[in-house]
Amino acid sequence: MIECRDIVKKFRDFAAVDRVSLEVRSGICALLGPNGAGKSTLLKILAGLIVPDSGTARICGLDVAQQPIEVRRMIGVLPEDLGLFDSLTIEEHLELCGPIYGIPPKETRERSRALMRALRLHHARDTFLDQCSHGMRKKTALAMALIHNPRVVLLDEPFEGIDPVSARAIQEMLESIARRGVVVFLTSHILSIADKLANEIVMIRGGRIVWRSSSESTARPLEEIYFELVETPPAEDLPWLGSPAS
């Protein structure tokens, strides 16, 4: 469903993505890495939002760069910036999405309300986005990404800033659609959720893939592998903290 071959994307002299090759055929794949590792850039390339300098990206066999309109009909995207309008309500956002994908008004309304119930947004459906919390805004953008029944879902940090109950609702929704054949590709900083949710995990550092669960079988904890290969926690000692003031 998702296929990358030698993807390179540079911003001036900085290689944000450096010869990345990756295949995701089914289920849920989590892309882990620190800020600046290339996660969001790779997701934007797959979504057709930016064009790679070299290499190819395919979704459902279609070339993302050469067939962007066809690809966008097949994918749902939760972008980094969410792409919402402060002057519209949650329900208005969803009802505007239906016609874009050719969904009849009645079906759009039914899908919108079902998604709002599933994501615990129904009570706030008439709330304008400038009055919503970050978590509510993120769940609205996720509902917009799902309303047209995409075959592939690309999610940039879907659990960031989400309360535990909403995070559980999102996890259950992603697990459910994955069982029905939808491919989910997400980025995350939350190792515990990724470890529990994803059937495949890929780690990226400096624009390059450094580890993937499908190619390396190990019983070691995910956190241990991440700290070893991707990012080591700082070990700075602060002896003045907790000491009596002089």
C-alpha atoms as a PDB file:
ATOM      1  CA  MET A   1       0.000   0.000   0.000  1.00  0.00           C
ATOM      2  CA  ILE A   2       2.833   2.434   0.913  1.00  0.00           C
ATOM      3  CA  GLU A   3       6.141   2.169  -0.893  1.00  0.00           C
ATOM      4  CA  CYS A   4       9.163   4.475  -0.762  1.00  0.00           C
ATOM      5  CA  ARG A   5      12.291   3.966  -2.841  1.00  0.00           C
ATOM      6  CA  ASP A   6      15.472   5.955  -2.091  1.00  0.00           C
ATOM      7  CA  ILE A   7      13.598   9.111  -1.074  1.00  0.00           C
ATOM      8  CA  VAL A   8      15.818  12.182  -0.665  1.00  0.00           C
ATOM      9  CA  LYS A   9      14.663  15.631   0.402  1.00  0.00           C
ATOM     10  CA  LYS A  10      17.071  18.451   1.175  1.00  0.00           C
ATOM     11  CA  PHE A  11      16.488  21.947   2.463  1.00  0.00           C
ATOM     12  CA  ARG A  12      19.577  23.805   1.226  1.00  0.00           C
ATOM     13  CA  ASP A  13      22.442  21.688   2.586  1.00  0.00           C
ATOM     14  CA  PHE A  14      20.358  19.865   5.192  1.00  0.00           C
ATOM     15  CA  ALA A  15      19.142  16.379   4.227  1.00  0.00           C
ATOM     16  CA  ALA A  16      15.816  16.043   6.029  1.00  0.00           C
ATOM     17  CA  VAL A  17      15.223  12.630   4.392  1.00  0.00           C
ATOM     18  CA  ASP A  18      18.278  10.733   3.196  1.00  0.00           C
ATOM     19  CA  ARG A  19      17.719   7.754   0.854  1.00  0.00           C
ATOM     20  CA  VAL A  20      14.779   6.280   2.745  1.00  0.00           C
ATOM     21  CA  SER A  21      13.269   3.050   1.439  1.00  0.00           C
ATOM     22  CA  LEU A  22      10.210   1.640   3.162  1.00  0.00           C
ATOM     23  CA  GLU A  23       7.226  -0.623   2.530  1.00  0.00           C
ATOM     24  CA  VAL A  24       4.027  -0.866   4.570  1.00  0.00           C
ATOM     25  CA  ARG A  25       1.604  -3.460   3.226  1.00  0.00           C
ATOM     26  CA  SER A  26      -0.952  -3.695   6.033  1.00  0.00           C
ATOM     27  CA  GLY A  27      -1.778  -2.825   9.604  1.00  0.00           C
ATOM     28  CA  ILE A  28      -0.361   0.066  11.625  1.00  0.00           C
ATOM     29  CA  CYS A  29       3.204   1.320  11.191  1.00  0.00           C
ATOM     30  CA  ALA A  30       4.666   3.840  13.653  1.00  0.00           C
ATOM     31  CA  LEU A  31       7.583   6.056  12.631  1.00  0.00           C
ATOM     32  CA  LEU A  32       9.575   7.108  15.704  1.00  0.00           C
ATOM     33  CA  GLY A  33      12.348   9.643  16.035  1.00  0.00           C
ATOM     34  CA  PRO A  34      13.356  12.928  17.694  1.00  0.00           C
ATOM     35  CA  ASN A  35      12.421  16.381  16.459  1.00  0.00           C
ATOM     36  CA  GLY A  36      14.197  17.101  13.185  1.00  0.00           C
ATOM     37  CA  ALA A  37      14.726  13.429  12.345  1.00  0.00           C
ATOM     38  CA  GLY A  38      12.650  13.626   9.140  1.00  0.00           C
ATOM     39  CA  LYS A  39       9.344  12.117  10.286  1.00  0.00           C
ATOM     40  CA  SER A  40       7.055  14.961   9.252  1.00  0.00           C
ATOM     41  CA  THR A  41       8.962  15.550   6.020  1.00  0.00           C
ATOM     42  CA  LEU A  42       8.546  11.928   4.964  1.00  0.00           C
ATOM     43  CA  LEU A  43       4.844  12.012   5.834  1.00  0.00           C
ATOM     44  CA  LYS A  44       4.388  15.202   3.777  1.00  0.00           C
ATOM     45  CA  ILE A  45       6.095  13.534   0.813  1.00  0.00           C
ATOM     46  CA  LEU A  46       3.738  10.563   1.075  1.00  0.00           C
ATOM     47  CA  ALA A  47       0.774  12.943   1.282  1.00  0.00           C
ATOM     48  CA  GLY A  48       1.915  14.819  -1.815  1.00  0.00           C
ATOM     49  CA  LEU A  49       2.397  18.063   0.108  1.00  0.00           C
ATOM     50  CA  ILE A  50       6.063  18.361  -0.853  1.00  0.00           C
ATOM     51  CA  VAL A  51       8.028  16.804  -3.712  1.00  0.00           C
ATOM     52  CA  PRO A  52      11.192  14.783  -3.021  1.00  0.00           C
ATOM     53  CA  ASP A  53      14.450  15.751  -4.711  1.00  0.00           C
ATOM     54  CA  SER A  54      14.885  12.157  -5.844  1.00  0.00           C
ATOM     55  CA  GLY A  55      13.369   8.738  -5.324  1.00  0.00           C
ATOM     56  CA  THR A  56       9.761   7.598  -5.664  1.00  0.00           C
ATOM     57  CA  ALA A  57       6.789   7.317  -3.326  1.00  0.00           C
ATOM     58  CA  ARG A  58       3.755   5.188  -4.188  1.00  0.00           C
ATOM     59  CA  ILE A  59       0.377   4.806  -2.499  1.00  0.00           C
ATOM     60  CA  CYS A  60      -1.782   1.856  -3.617  1.00  0.00           C
ATOM     61  CA  GLY A  61       0.484   1.487  -6.642  1.00  0.00           C
ATOM     62  CA  LEU A  62       0.077   5.132  -7.711  1.00  0.00           C
ATOM     63  CA  ASP A  63       3.039   7.489  -7.973  1.00  0.00           C
ATOM     64  CA  VAL A  64       2.436  10.312  -5.483  1.00  0.00           C
ATOM     65  CA  ALA A  65       4.294  12.918  -7.539  1.00  0.00           C
ATOM     66  CA  GLN A  66       2.845  11.886 -10.911  1.00  0.00           C
ATOM     67  CA  GLN A  67      -0.756  11.108  -9.844  1.00  0.00           C
ATOM     68  CA  PRO A  68      -1.428  13.451  -6.895  1.00  0.00           C
ATOM     69  CA  ILE A  69      -5.189  13.872  -7.403  1.00  0.00           C
ATOM     70  CA  GLU A  70      -5.826  10.119  -7.602  1.00  0.00           C
ATOM     71  CA  VAL A  71      -3.663   9.542  -4.535  1.00  0.00           C
ATOM     72  CA  ARG A  72      -5.450  12.208  -2.480  1.00  0.00           C
ATOM     73  CA  ARG A  73      -8.774  10.498  -3.078  1.00  0.00           C
ATOM     74  CA  MET A  74      -7.366   7.337  -1.470  1.00  0.00           C
ATOM     75  CA  ILE A  75      -5.646   8.832   1.575  1.00  0.00           C
ATOM     76  CA  GLY A  76      -6.676  10.584   4.751  1.00  0.00           C
ATOM     77  CA  VAL A  77      -4.155  12.976   6.260  1.00  0.00           C
ATOM     78  CA  LEU A  78      -3.771  14.436   9.739  1.00  0.00           C
ATOM     79  CA  PRO A  79      -1.182  17.174   9.047  1.00  0.00           C
ATOM     80  CA  GLU A  80       1.217  18.775  11.458  1.00  0.00           C
ATOM     81  CA  ASP A  81      -0.610  22.134  11.315  1.00  0.00           C
ATOM     82  CA  LEU A  82      -4.112  20.502  11.341  1.00  0.00           C
ATOM     83  CA  GLY A  83      -5.432  22.831   8.586  1.00  0.00           C
ATOM     84  CA  LEU A  84      -8.533  24.063  10.426  1.00  0.00           C
ATOM     85  CA  PHE A  85     -10.574  27.280  10.290  1.00  0.00           C
ATOM     86  CA  ASP A  86     -11.208  29.138  13.538  1.00  0.00           C
ATOM     87  CA  SER A  87     -14.481  30.667  12.282  1.00  0.00           C
ATOM     88  CA  LEU A  88     -16.138  27.285  11.595  1.00  0.00           C
ATOM     89  CA  THR A  89     -17.658  24.840  14.080  1.00  0.00           C
ATOM     90  CA  ILE A  90     -16.552  21.232  14.478  1.00  0.00           C
ATOM     91  CA  GLU A  91     -19.626  19.969  12.622  1.00  0.00           C
ATOM     92  CA  GLU A  92     -19.226  22.523   9.820  1.00  0.00           C
ATOM     93  CA  HIS A  93     -15.690  21.276   9.198  1.00  0.00           C
ATOM     94  CA  LEU A  94     -16.946  17.741   8.693  1.00  0.00           C
ATOM     95  CA  GLU A  95     -19.952  18.699   6.591  1.00  0.00           C
ATOM     96  CA  LEU A  96     -17.716  20.709   4.271  1.00  0.00           C
ATOM     97  CA  CYS A  97     -15.516  17.663   3.657  1.00  0.00           C
ATOM     98  CA  GLY A  98     -18.278  15.471   2.238  1.00  0.00           C
ATOM     99  CA  PRO A  99     -18.881  17.361  -1.045  1.00  0.00           C
ATOM    100  CA  ILE A 100     -15.139  17.474  -1.737  1.00  0.00           C
ATOM    101  CA  TYR A 101     -15.180  13.670  -1.993  1.00  0.00           C
ATOM    102  CA  GLY A 102     -18.585  13.454  -3.661  1.00  0.00           C
ATOM    103  CA  ILE A 103     -20.398  12.141  -0.577  1.00  0.00           C
ATOM    104  CA  PRO A 104     -24.143  12.965  -0.596  1.00  0.00           C
ATOM    105  CA  PRO A 105     -25.295  15.473   2.087  1.00  0.00           C
ATOM    106  CA  LYS A 106     -27.331  12.941   4.062  1.00  0.00           C
ATOM    107  CA  GLU A 107     -24.474  10.431   4.200  1.00  0.00           C
ATOM    108  CA  THR A 108     -22.021  13.202   5.071  1.00  0.00           C
ATOM    109  CA  ARG A 109     -24.240  14.170   8.003  1.00  0.00           C
ATOM    110  CA  GLU A 110     -24.532  10.576   9.196  1.00  0.00           C
ATOM    111  CA  ARG A 111     -20.787   9.949   8.940  1.00  0.00           C
ATOM    112  CA  SER A 112     -20.012  13.276  10.639  1.00  0.00           C
ATOM    113  CA  ARG A 113     -22.189  12.504  13.622  1.00  0.00           C
ATOM    114  CA  ALA A 114     -20.876   8.959  13.950  1.00  0.00           C
ATOM    115  CA  LEU A 115     -17.279  10.218  13.916  1.00  0.00           C
ATOM    116  CA  MET A 116     -18.071  12.921  16.469  1.00  0.00           C
ATOM    117  CA  ARG A 117     -19.648  10.336  18.777  1.00  0.00           C
ATOM    118  CA  ALA A 118     -16.682   7.971  18.382  1.00  0.00           C
ATOM    119  CA  LEU A 119     -14.183  10.752  19.113  1.00  0.00           C
ATOM    120  CA  ARG A 120     -16.225  12.296  21.946  1.00  0.00           C
ATOM    121  CA  LEU A 121     -16.859  15.516  20.026  1.00  0.00           C
ATOM    122  CA  HIS A 122     -20.635  15.288  19.660  1.00  0.00           C
ATOM    123  CA  HIS A 123     -21.380  17.428  22.724  1.00  0.00           C
ATOM    124  CA  ALA A 124     -19.229  20.219  21.241  1.00  0.00           C
ATOM    125  CA  ARG A 125     -20.337  19.946  17.611  1.00  0.00           C
ATOM    126  CA  ASP A 126     -21.512  23.599  17.524  1.00  0.00           C
ATOM    127  CA  THR A 127     -18.313  24.939  19.087  1.00  0.00           C
ATOM    128  CA  PHE A 128     -16.148  27.188  16.942  1.00  0.00           C
ATOM    129  CA  LEU A 129     -12.580  25.993  16.501  1.00  0.00           C
ATOM    130  CA  ASP A 130     -11.077  29.095  18.078  1.00  0.00           C
ATOM    131  CA  GLN A 131     -12.844  28.035  21.298  1.00  0.00           C
ATOM    132  CA  CYS A 132     -11.619  24.421  21.175  1.00  0.00           C
ATOM    133  CA  SER A 133      -8.750  22.894  23.090  1.00  0.00           C
ATOM    134  CA  HIS A 134      -5.768  21.501  21.226  1.00  0.00           C
ATOM    135  CA  GLY A 135      -7.078  17.984  21.750  1.00  0.00           C
ATOM    136  CA  MET A 136     -10.492  18.853  20.327  1.00  0.00           C
ATOM    137  CA  ARG A 137      -8.876  20.492  17.312  1.00  0.00           C
ATOM    138  CA  LYS A 138      -6.740  17.430  16.704  1.00  0.00           C
ATOM    139  CA  LYS A 139      -9.721  15.086  16.933  1.00  0.00           C
ATOM    140  CA  THR A 140     -11.644  17.304  14.486  1.00  0.00           C
ATOM    141  CA  ALA A 141      -8.792  17.068  11.985  1.00  0.00           C
ATOM    142  CA  LEU A 142      -8.672  13.290  12.473  1.00  0.00           C
ATOM    143  CA  ALA A 143     -12.406  13.004  11.799  1.00  0.00           C
ATOM    144  CA  MET A 144     -11.903  15.022   8.592  1.00  0.00           C
ATOM    145  CA  ALA A 145      -9.176  12.607   7.544  1.00  0.00           C
ATOM    146  CA  LEU A 146     -11.492   9.611   7.966  1.00  0.00           C
ATOM    147  CA  ILE A 147     -14.854  10.835   6.696  1.00  0.00           C
ATOM    148  CA  HIS A 148     -14.319   9.711   3.069  1.00  0.00           C
ATOM    149  CA  ASN A 149     -13.295   6.153   4.045  1.00  0.00           C
ATOM    150  CA  PRO A 150      -9.658   6.299   2.864  1.00  0.00           C
ATOM    151  CA  ARG A 151      -7.589   3.222   2.062  1.00  0.00           C
ATOM    152  CA  VAL A 152      -4.441   4.713   3.636  1.00  0.00           C
ATOM    153  CA  VAL A 153      -4.273   7.086   6.618  1.00  0.00           C
ATOM    154  CA  LEU A 154      -1.226   9.288   7.286  1.00  0.00           C
ATOM    155  CA  LEU A 155      -1.174  10.776  10.789  1.00  0.00           C
ATOM    156  CA  ASP A 156       1.368  13.252  12.146  1.00  0.00           C
ATOM    157  CA  GLU A 157       1.532  12.933  15.953  1.00  0.00           C
ATOM    158  CA  PRO A 158      -2.123  11.907  16.474  1.00  0.00           C
ATOM    159  CA  PHE A 159      -1.656  11.466  20.251  1.00  0.00           C
ATOM    160  CA  GLU A 160       0.181  14.703  21.030  1.00  0.00           C
ATOM    161  CA  GLY A 161      -1.790  16.857  23.465  1.00  0.00           C
ATOM    162  CA  ILE A 162      -4.599  14.297  23.767  1.00  0.00           C
ATOM    163  CA  ASP A 163      -6.160  13.331  27.111  1.00  0.00           C
ATOM    164  CA  PRO A 164      -6.024   9.638  28.139  1.00  0.00           C
ATOM    165  CA  VAL A 165      -9.682   8.898  27.377  1.00  0.00           C
ATOM    166  CA  SER A 166      -9.476  10.447  23.906  1.00  0.00           C
ATOM    167  CA  ALA A 167      -6.174   8.678  23.278  1.00  0.00           C
ATOM    168  CA  ARG A 168      -7.831   5.350  24.062  1.00  0.00           C
ATOM    169  CA  ALA A 169     -10.742   6.206  21.719  1.00  0.00           C
ATOM    170  CA  ILE A 170      -8.307   7.047  18.911  1.00  0.00           C
ATOM    171  CA  GLN A 171      -6.317   3.855  19.508  1.00  0.00           C
ATOM    172  CA  GLU A 172      -9.444   1.735  19.321  1.00  0.00           C
ATOM    173  CA  MET A 173     -10.585   3.489  16.151  1.00  0.00           C
ATOM    174  CA  LEU A 174      -7.219   2.966  14.432  1.00  0.00           C
ATOM    175  CA  GLU A 175      -7.129  -0.691  15.470  1.00  0.00           C
ATOM    176  CA  SER A 176     -10.646  -1.145  14.118  1.00  0.00           C
ATOM    177  CA  ILE A 177      -9.976   0.382  10.689  1.00  0.00           C
ATOM    178  CA  ALA A 178      -6.683  -1.510  10.417  1.00  0.00           C
ATOM    179  CA  ARG A 179      -8.545  -4.779  10.941  1.00  0.00           C
ATOM    180  CA  ARG A 180     -10.806  -3.771   8.045  1.00  0.00           C
ATOM    181  CA  GLY A 181      -7.849  -3.330   5.695  1.00  0.00           C
ATOM    182  CA  VAL A 182      -6.955   0.345   6.074  1.00  0.00           C
ATOM    183  CA  VAL A 183      -3.200   0.970   6.259  1.00  0.00           C
ATOM    184  CA  VAL A 184      -2.247   3.396   9.046  1.00  0.00           C
ATOM    185  CA  PHE A 185       1.111   5.193   8.970  1.00  0.00           C
ATOM    186  CA  LEU A 186       1.735   7.496  11.925  1.00  0.00           C
ATOM    187  CA  THR A 187       4.512   9.454  13.560  1.00  0.00           C
ATOM    188  CA  SER A 188       4.783   9.642  17.326  1.00  0.00           C
ATOM    189  CA  HIS A 189       6.963  10.646  20.258  1.00  0.00           C
ATOM    190  CA  ILE A 190       4.985   8.469  22.677  1.00  0.00           C
ATOM    191  CA  LEU A 191       6.851   5.171  22.783  1.00  0.00           C
ATOM    192  CA  SER A 192       4.370   3.382  25.046  1.00  0.00           C
ATOM    193  CA  ILE A 193       1.423   3.994  22.702  1.00  0.00           C
ATOM    194  CA  ALA A 194       3.426   3.113  19.597  1.00  0.00           C
ATOM    195  CA  ASP A 195       4.665  -0.101  21.203  1.00  0.00           C
ATOM    196  CA  LYS A 196       1.133  -1.181  22.083  1.00  0.00           C
ATOM    197  CA  LEU A 197      -0.642   0.007  18.929  1.00  0.00           C
ATOM    198  CA  ALA A 198       1.654  -0.659  15.970  1.00  0.00           C
ATOM    199  CA  ASN A 199       2.372  -4.039  14.411  1.00  0.00           C
ATOM    200  CA  GLU A 200       5.458  -2.513  12.769  1.00  0.00           C
ATOM    201  CA  ILE A 201       7.801   0.131  14.141  1.00  0.00           C
ATOM    202  CA  VAL A 202      10.429   2.115  12.223  1.00  0.00           C
ATOM    203  CA  MET A 203      13.005   4.394  13.848  1.00  0.00           C
ATOM    204  CA  ILE A 204      14.566   7.314  11.995  1.00  0.00           C
ATOM    205  CA  ARG A 205      17.514   9.508  12.939  1.00  0.00           C
ATOM    206  CA  GLY A 206      19.130  12.225  10.841  1.00  0.00           C
ATOM    207  CA  GLY A 207      16.862  11.435   7.916  1.00  0.00           C
ATOM    208  CA  ARG A 208      17.868   7.761   7.780  1.00  0.00           C
ATOM    209  CA  ILE A 209      16.116   4.629   8.981  1.00  0.00           C
ATOM    210  CA  VAL A 210      18.205   3.051  11.744  1.00  0.00           C
ATOM    211  CA  TRP A 211      15.894   0.247  12.902  1.00  0.00           C
ATOM    212  CA  ARG A 212      12.667  -1.515  12.009  1.00  0.00           C
ATOM    213  CA  SER A 213      10.848  -4.141  13.981  1.00  0.00           C
ATOM    214  CA  SER A 214       9.995  -6.298  10.966  1.00  0.00           C
ATOM    215  CA  SER A 215      13.644  -6.821  10.081  1.00  0.00           C
ATOM    216  CA  GLU A 216      15.086  -7.245  13.597  1.00  0.00           C
ATOM    217  CA  SER A 217      13.414  -9.642  15.995  1.00  0.00           C
ATOM    218  CA  THR A 218      14.280  -8.789  19.574  1.00  0.00           C
ATOM    219  CA  ALA A 219      12.878  -9.208  23.041  1.00  0.00           C
ATOM    220  CA  ARG A 220      14.483  -5.955  24.226  1.00  0.00           C
ATOM    221  CA  PRO A 221      12.169  -3.142  25.386  1.00  0.00           C
ATOM    222  CA  LEU A 222      11.370  -0.574  22.710  1.00  0.00           C
ATOM    223  CA  GLU A 223      12.492   2.268  24.957  1.00  0.00           C
ATOM    224  CA  GLU A 224      15.918   0.665  25.386  1.00  0.00           C
ATOM    225  CA  ILE A 225      16.369   0.312  21.608  1.00  0.00           C
ATOM    226  CA  TYR A 226      15.217   3.890  21.031  1.00  0.00           C
ATOM    227  CA  PHE A 227      17.645   5.367  23.565  1.00  0.00           C
ATOM    228  CA  GLU A 228      20.491   3.302  22.151  1.00  0.00           C
ATOM    229  CA  LEU A 229      19.961   3.991  18.439  1.00  0.00           C
ATOM    230  CA  VAL A 230      18.030   7.230  18.188  1.00  0.00           C
ATOM    231  CA  GLU A 231      18.295   9.627  21.098  1.00  0.00           C
ATOM    232  CA  THR A 232      20.075   9.406  24.456  1.00  0.00           C
ATOM    233  CA  PRO A 233      18.533  11.256  27.413  1.00  0.00           C
ATOM    234  CA  PRO A 234      20.734  14.062  28.793  1.00  0.00           C
ATOM    235  CA  ALA A 235      22.770  13.166  31.849  1.00  0.00           C
ATOM    236  CA  GLU A 236      23.373  16.688  33.155  1.00  0.00           C
ATOM    237  CA  ASP A 237      23.702  16.866  36.926  1.00  0.00           C
ATOM    238  CA  LEU A 238      22.065  19.863  38.646  1.00  0.00           C
ATOM    239  CA  PRO A 239      23.403  19.715  42.221  1.00  0.00           C
ATOM    240  CA  TRP A 240      21.886  23.080  43.125  1.00  0.00           C
ATOM    241  CA  LEU A 241      18.353  21.725  42.666  1.00  0.00           C
ATOM    242  CA  GLY A 242      17.000  20.448  45.969  1.00  0.00           C
ATOM    243  CA  SER A 243      19.839  21.956  47.976  1.00  0.00           C
ATOM    244  CA  PRO A 244      19.118  24.462  50.744  1.00  0.00           C
ATOM    245  CA  ALA A 245      19.389  28.064  49.534  1.00  0.00           C
ATOM    246  CA  SER A 246      22.604  29.679  50.685  1.00  0.00           C
END
